[in-house]
Protein backbone atom coordinates (compact mmCIF):
# COMPACT_ATOMS: atom_id res chain seq x y z
CA MET A 1 10.44 -13.72 91.97
CA THR A 2 6.82 -12.93 92.60
CA ASN A 3 4.44 -14.21 95.20
CA ASP A 4 1.03 -15.45 94.18
CA SER A 5 -2.06 -15.66 96.37
CA GLU A 6 -1.23 -19.19 97.64
CA GLY A 7 2.19 -18.23 99.00
CA ARG A 8 4.17 -20.02 96.27
CA GLN A 9 7.01 -18.30 94.47
CA ASP A 10 7.68 -18.25 90.74
CA GLN A 11 11.34 -18.92 90.04
CA ALA A 12 13.55 -19.30 86.99
CA TRP A 13 16.12 -22.06 86.99
CA PRO A 14 19.63 -20.59 86.64
CA GLY A 15 20.39 -22.55 83.44
CA ALA A 16 17.00 -21.80 81.87
CA VAL A 17 17.59 -18.09 81.28
CA ARG A 18 19.36 -17.16 78.08
CA TRP A 19 20.37 -13.57 77.43
CA GLU A 20 20.06 -12.49 73.80
CA LEU A 21 21.55 -9.03 73.71
CA GLY A 22 21.94 -8.79 69.95
CA ASP A 23 24.05 -5.77 69.01
CA ALA A 24 24.15 -4.75 72.69
CA SER A 25 26.36 -7.78 73.44
CA VAL A 26 29.31 -5.61 72.42
CA HIS A 27 28.69 -3.58 75.58
CA ALA A 28 28.57 -6.62 77.88
CA ARG A 29 32.21 -6.21 78.84
CA GLU A 30 34.05 -5.13 81.94
CA THR A 31 35.54 -2.05 80.27
CA LEU A 32 33.63 0.72 78.53
CA TRP A 33 34.92 3.92 76.97
CA GLN A 34 33.64 7.25 78.20
CA CYS A 35 33.88 10.35 76.04
CA ASP A 36 33.48 13.75 77.69
CA ALA A 37 32.87 16.83 75.57
CA LEU A 38 34.00 20.02 77.32
CA ARG A 39 33.23 23.59 76.37
CA ALA A 40 34.94 26.45 78.22
CA GLY A 41 36.14 23.96 80.84
CA ARG A 42 32.62 22.70 81.65
CA LEU A 43 31.15 19.30 80.88
CA TYR A 44 28.86 19.68 77.88
CA GLN A 45 28.10 16.05 77.02
CA ARG A 46 29.11 12.58 78.25
CA SER A 47 28.79 9.51 76.03
CA VAL A 48 29.66 5.85 76.65
CA PHE A 49 30.90 3.43 73.98
CA GLY A 50 31.66 -0.28 73.88
CA THR A 51 35.05 0.05 72.18
CA ARG A 52 37.80 2.63 71.99
CA GLU A 53 37.47 2.71 68.20
CA GLU A 54 33.81 3.75 68.47
CA ALA A 55 34.70 6.51 70.92
CA GLU A 56 37.53 7.81 68.76
CA ALA A 57 35.35 7.74 65.62
CA PHE A 58 32.74 9.76 67.52
CA VAL A 59 35.39 12.30 68.57
CA ALA A 60 36.65 12.63 64.99
CA LYS A 61 33.12 13.37 63.71
CA MET A 62 32.36 15.78 66.52
CA GLN A 63 35.61 17.73 66.10
CA GLU A 64 34.55 18.54 62.54
CA SER A 65 31.17 19.93 63.58
CA GLU A 66 32.08 21.31 67.04
CA PRO A 67 35.63 22.71 66.84
CA ASP A 68 35.17 24.69 70.08
CA HIS A 69 34.78 21.51 72.17
CA MET A 70 37.59 19.61 73.88
CA PHE A 71 37.17 15.82 74.00
CA ASN A 72 38.54 13.34 76.54
CA VAL A 73 38.30 9.57 76.02
CA ALA A 74 38.90 7.33 79.04
CA ALA A 75 38.43 3.67 79.93
CA ILE A 76 35.94 3.05 82.77
CA LYS A 77 34.64 -0.05 84.53
CA ALA A 78 31.18 -1.11 83.35
CA SER A 79 30.13 -1.54 86.98
CA THR A 80 30.32 2.24 87.42
CA VAL A 81 27.60 2.63 84.78
CA TRP A 82 25.34 -0.29 85.68
CA ASN A 83 25.50 -3.37 87.87
């Protein structure tokens, strides 16, 4: 909502807003999959995926190119990433 110079407020009716997320709609779930890449026991990279299959495919590709990394895949609540 914004206030204009006359003190009125602009509002959107609850049913009038339509969310078109396109390919991002896959990630509009309660559970996401977090993949941590560890090197020498330290966090090197953290990635978030919409499905477990995507996370595991990422790990498979990364293990080929980065054999010195350890990878952990875990389910997390989406609310811990954004609200």
